[in-house]
């Protein structure tokens, strides 16, 4: 159940949130870094075996 929830959030993030993959993370603004951190957190939990 938890994994399905995170997989849903991951699909939603891909559709809604901007992508900053090609930019230097040190030059991003704080809110952009927060978006990257949030997307990473959701991705890791969506891929977890638990």
PDB file of N, CA and C in Angstrom:
ATOM      1  N   UNK A   1       0.827  -1.196   0.000  1.00  0.00           N
ATOM      2  CA  UNK A   1       0.000   0.000   0.000  1.00  0.00           C
ATOM      3  C   UNK A   1       0.867   1.253   0.000  1.00  0.00           C
ATOM      4  N   UNK A   2       1.884   1.265   0.873  1.00  0.00           N
ATOM      5  CA  UNK A   2       2.769   2.419   0.959  1.00  0.00           C
ATOM      6  C   UNK A   2       3.530   2.611  -0.348  1.00  0.00           C
ATOM      7  N   UNK A   3       4.005   1.503  -0.924  1.00  0.00           N
ATOM      8  CA  UNK A   3       4.756   1.591  -2.173  1.00  0.00           C
ATOM      9  C   UNK A   3       3.877   2.104  -3.307  1.00  0.00           C
ATOM     10  N   UNK A   4       2.645   1.656  -3.378  1.00  0.00           N
ATOM     11  CA  UNK A   4       1.721   2.115  -4.413  1.00  0.00           C
ATOM     12  C   UNK A   4       1.458   3.607  -4.281  1.00  0.00           C
ATOM     13  N   UNK A   5       1.356   4.087  -3.059  1.00  0.00           N
ATOM     14  CA  UNK A   5       1.138   5.510  -2.822  1.00  0.00           C
ATOM     15  C   UNK A   5       2.317   6.323  -3.352  1.00  0.00           C
ATOM     16  N   UNK A   6       3.545   5.867  -3.056  1.00  0.00           N
ATOM     17  CA  UNK A   6       4.721   6.584  -3.523  1.00  0.00           C
ATOM     18  C   UNK A   6       4.888   6.475  -5.034  1.00  0.00           C
ATOM     19  N   UNK A   7       4.488   5.357  -5.629  1.00  0.00           N
ATOM     20  CA  UNK A   7       4.531   5.236  -7.083  1.00  0.00           C
ATOM     21  C   UNK A   7       3.551   6.199  -7.730  1.00  0.00           C
ATOM     22  N   UNK A   8       2.384   6.356  -7.135  1.00  0.00           N
ATOM     23  CA  UNK A   8       1.421   7.331  -7.637  1.00  0.00           C
ATOM     24  C   UNK A   8       1.981   8.747  -7.541  1.00  0.00           C
ATOM     25  N   UNK A   9       2.577   9.078  -6.383  1.00  0.00           N
ATOM     26  CA  UNK A   9       3.175  10.403  -6.226  1.00  0.00           C
ATOM     27  C   UNK A   9       4.301  10.629  -7.227  1.00  0.00           C
ATOM     28  N   UNK A  10       5.070   9.598  -7.517  1.00  0.00           N
ATOM     29  CA  UNK A  10       6.161   9.711  -8.471  1.00  0.00           C
ATOM     30  C   UNK A  10       5.626  10.030  -9.867  1.00  0.00           C
ATOM     31  N   UNK A  11       4.575   9.344 -10.277  1.00  0.00           N
ATOM     32  CA  UNK A  11       3.970   9.631 -11.584  1.00  0.00           C
ATOM     33  C   UNK A  11       3.401  11.046 -11.621  1.00  0.00           C
ATOM     34  N   UNK A  12       2.795  11.466 -10.530  1.00  0.00           N
ATOM     35  CA  UNK A  12       2.254  12.821 -10.451  1.00  0.00           C
ATOM     36  C   UNK A  12       3.371  13.860 -10.526  1.00  0.00           C
ATOM     37  N   UNK A  13       4.481  13.603  -9.834  1.00  0.00           N
ATOM     38  CA  UNK A  13       5.621  14.519  -9.861  1.00  0.00           C
ATOM     39  C   UNK A  13       6.186  14.663 -11.270  1.00  0.00           C
ATOM     40  N   UNK A  14       6.274  13.554 -11.991  1.00  0.00           N
ATOM     41  CA  UNK A  14       6.801  13.598 -13.351  1.00  0.00           C
ATOM     42  C   UNK A  14       5.929  14.475 -14.246  1.00  0.00           C
ATOM     43  N   UNK A  15       4.637  14.446 -14.011  1.00  0.00           N
ATOM     44  CA  UNK A  15       3.713  15.203 -14.852  1.00  0.00           C
ATOM     45  C   UNK A  15       3.625  16.674 -14.468  1.00  0.00           C
ATOM     46  N   UNK A  16       3.788  16.990 -13.186  1.00  0.00           N
ATOM     47  CA  UNK A  16       3.494  18.335 -12.703  1.00  0.00           C
ATOM     48  C   UNK A  16       4.741  19.171 -12.413  1.00  0.00           C
ATOM     49  N   UNK A  17       5.705  18.591 -11.722  1.00  0.00           N
ATOM     50  CA  UNK A  17       6.845  19.378 -11.261  1.00  0.00           C
ATOM     51  C   UNK A  17       7.888  19.573 -12.361  1.00  0.00           C
ATOM     52  N   UNK A  18       8.597  20.699 -12.319  1.00  0.00           N
ATOM     53  CA  UNK A  18       9.641  20.948 -13.324  1.00  0.00           C
ATOM     54  C   UNK A  18      10.839  20.024 -13.122  1.00  0.00           C
ATOM     55  N   UNK A  19      11.591  19.857 -14.196  1.00  0.00           N
ATOM     56  CA  UNK A  19      12.768  18.993 -14.153  1.00  0.00           C
ATOM     57  C   UNK A  19      14.019  19.862 -14.137  1.00  0.00           C
ATOM     58  N   UNK A  20      14.904  19.593 -13.192  1.00  0.00           N
ATOM     59  CA  UNK A  20      16.144  20.358 -13.058  1.00  0.00           C
ATOM     60  C   UNK A  20      17.359  19.450 -13.228  1.00  0.00           C
ATOM     61  N   UNK A  21      17.227  18.353 -13.951  1.00  0.00           N
ATOM     62  CA  UNK A  21      18.295  17.379 -14.070  1.00  0.00           C
ATOM     63  C   UNK A  21      19.530  17.869 -14.794  1.00  0.00           C
ATOM     64  N   UNK A  22      19.387  18.777 -15.720  1.00  0.00           N
ATOM     65  CA  UNK A  22      20.530  19.217 -16.513  1.00  0.00           C
ATOM     66  C   UNK A  22      21.190  20.470 -15.954  1.00  0.00           C
ATOM     67  N   UNK A  23      20.685  20.970 -14.852  1.00  0.00           N
ATOM     68  CA  UNK A  23      21.240  22.184 -14.255  1.00  0.00           C
ATOM     69  C   UNK A  23      22.157  21.840 -13.092  1.00  0.00           C
ATOM     70  N   UNK A  24      23.087  22.730 -12.806  1.00  0.00           N
ATOM     71  CA  UNK A  24      24.011  22.558 -11.688  1.00  0.00           C
ATOM     72  C   UNK A  24      23.254  22.806 -10.380  1.00  0.00           C
ATOM     73  N   UNK A  25      23.179  21.813  -9.494  1.00  0.00           N
ATOM     74  CA  UNK A  25      22.410  21.970  -8.253  1.00  0.00           C
ATOM     75  C   UNK A  25      22.913  23.090  -7.347  1.00  0.00           C
ATOM     76  N   UNK A  26      24.182  23.415  -7.435  1.00  0.00           N
ATOM     77  CA  UNK A  26      24.720  24.470  -6.564  1.00  0.00           C
ATOM     78  C   UNK A  26      24.279  25.857  -7.010  1.00  0.00           C
ATOM     79  N   UNK A  27      23.851  25.974  -8.264  1.00  0.00           N
ATOM     80  CA  UNK A  27      23.428  27.281  -8.779  1.00  0.00           C
ATOM     81  C   UNK A  27      21.915  27.476  -8.738  1.00  0.00           C
ATOM     82  N   UNK A  28      21.200  26.483  -8.245  1.00  0.00           N
ATOM     83  CA  UNK A  28      19.743  26.587  -8.160  1.00  0.00           C
ATOM     84  C   UNK A  28      19.337  27.370  -6.923  1.00  0.00           C
ATOM     85  N   UNK A  29      18.153  27.945  -6.998  1.00  0.00           N
ATOM     86  CA  UNK A  29      17.598  28.640  -5.832  1.00  0.00           C
ATOM     87  C   UNK A  29      17.134  27.600  -4.814  1.00  0.00           C
ATOM     88  N   UNK A  30      16.890  28.053  -3.601  1.00  0.00           N
ATOM     89  CA  UNK A  30      16.534  27.137  -2.504  1.00  0.00           C
ATOM     90  C   UNK A  30      15.253  26.360  -2.789  1.00  0.00           C
ATOM     91  N   UNK A  31      14.253  27.024  -3.355  1.00  0.00           N
ATOM     92  CA  UNK A  31      13.005  26.313  -3.621  1.00  0.00           C
ATOM     93  C   UNK A  31      13.201  25.269  -4.723  1.00  0.00           C
ATOM     94  N   UNK A  32      14.098  25.525  -5.670  1.00  0.00           N
ATOM     95  CA  UNK A  32      14.388  24.559  -6.713  1.00  0.00           C
ATOM     96  C   UNK A  32      15.135  23.354  -6.133  1.00  0.00           C
ATOM     97  N   UNK A  33      16.044  23.608  -5.203  1.00  0.00           N
ATOM     98  CA  UNK A  33      16.741  22.517  -4.522  1.00  0.00           C
ATOM     99  C   UNK A  33      15.762  21.694  -3.692  1.00  0.00           C
ATOM    100  N   UNK A  34      14.789  22.348  -3.088  1.00  0.00           N
ATOM    101  CA  UNK A  34      13.770  21.643  -2.303  1.00  0.00           C
ATOM    102  C   UNK A  34      12.926  20.738  -3.203  1.00  0.00           C
ATOM    103  N   UNK A  35      12.623  21.193  -4.409  1.00  0.00           N
ATOM    104  CA  UNK A  35      11.863  20.365  -5.357  1.00  0.00           C
ATOM    105  C   UNK A  35      12.665  19.131  -5.733  1.00  0.00           C
ATOM    106  N   UNK A  36      13.959  19.302  -5.977  1.00  0.00           N
ATOM    107  CA  UNK A  36      14.817  18.154  -6.299  1.00  0.00           C
ATOM    108  C   UNK A  36      14.850  17.173  -5.134  1.00  0.00           C
ATOM    109  N   UNK A  37      14.995  17.677  -3.926  1.00  0.00           N
ATOM    110  CA  UNK A  37      15.039  16.809  -2.747  1.00  0.00           C
ATOM    111  C   UNK A  37      13.716  16.055  -2.570  1.00  0.00           C
ATOM    112  N   UNK A  38      12.602  16.739  -2.773  1.00  0.00           N
ATOM    113  CA  UNK A  38      11.289  16.109  -2.656  1.00  0.00           C
ATOM    114  C   UNK A  38      11.126  15.011  -3.709  1.00  0.00           C
ATOM    115  N   UNK A  39      11.506  15.305  -4.955  1.00  0.00           N
ATOM    116  CA  UNK A  39      11.387  14.317  -6.024  1.00  0.00           C
ATOM    117  C   UNK A  39      12.271  13.104  -5.739  1.00  0.00           C
ATOM    118  N   UNK A  40      13.465  13.341  -5.220  1.00  0.00           N
ATOM    119  CA  UNK A  40      14.380  12.247  -4.883  1.00  0.00           C
ATOM    120  C   UNK A  40      13.798  11.383  -3.765  1.00  0.00           C
ATOM    121  N   UNK A  41      13.262  12.015  -2.731  1.00  0.00           N
ATOM    122  CA  UNK A  41      12.657  11.300  -1.604  1.00  0.00           C
ATOM    123  C   UNK A  41      11.527  10.397  -2.091  1.00  0.00           C
ATOM    124  N   UNK A  42      10.658  10.922  -2.940  1.00  0.00           N
ATOM    125  CA  UNK A  42       9.528  10.142  -3.459  1.00  0.00           C
ATOM    126  C   UNK A  42      10.029   9.002  -4.333  1.00  0.00           C
ATOM    127  N   UNK A  43      11.020   9.263  -5.176  1.00  0.00           N
ATOM    128  CA  UNK A  43      11.557   8.232  -6.051  1.00  0.00           C
ATOM    129  C   UNK A  43      12.153   7.077  -5.265  1.00  0.00           C
ATOM    130  N   UNK A  44      12.942   7.383  -4.259  1.00  0.00           N
ATOM    131  CA  UNK A  44      13.578   6.341  -3.445  1.00  0.00           C
ATOM    132  C   UNK A  44      12.530   5.469  -2.757  1.00  0.00           C
ATOM    133  N   UNK A  45      11.476   6.091  -2.241  1.00  0.00           N
ATOM    134  CA  UNK A  45      10.430   5.315  -1.574  1.00  0.00           C
ATOM    135  C   UNK A  45       9.572   4.534  -2.582  1.00  0.00           C
ATOM    136  N   UNK A  46       9.438   5.043  -3.785  1.00  0.00           N
ATOM    137  CA  UNK A  46       8.672   4.314  -4.817  1.00  0.00           C
ATOM    138  C   UNK A  46       9.431   3.072  -5.277  1.00  0.00           C
ATOM    139  N   UNK A  47      10.755   3.112  -5.228  1.00  0.00           N
ATOM    140  CA  UNK A  47      11.563   1.977  -5.664  1.00  0.00           C
ATOM    141  C   UNK A  47      11.903   1.007  -4.537  1.00  0.00           C
ATOM    142  N   UNK A  48      11.555   1.347  -3.323  1.00  0.00           N
ATOM    143  CA  UNK A  48      11.920   0.513  -2.165  1.00  0.00           C
ATOM    144  C   UNK A  48      11.212  -0.839  -2.225  1.00  0.00           C
ATOM    145  N   UNK A  49      11.846  -1.837  -1.660  1.00  0.00           N
ATOM    146  CA  UNK A  49      11.287  -3.193  -1.653  1.00  0.00           C
ATOM    147  C   UNK A  49      10.276  -3.398  -0.531  1.00  0.00           C
ATOM    148  N   UNK A  50      10.177  -2.491   0.375  1.00  0.00           N
ATOM    149  CA  UNK A  50       9.282  -2.650   1.536  1.00  0.00           C
ATOM    150  C   UNK A  50       7.842  -2.667   1.122  1.00  0.00           C
TER     151      UNK A  50
END
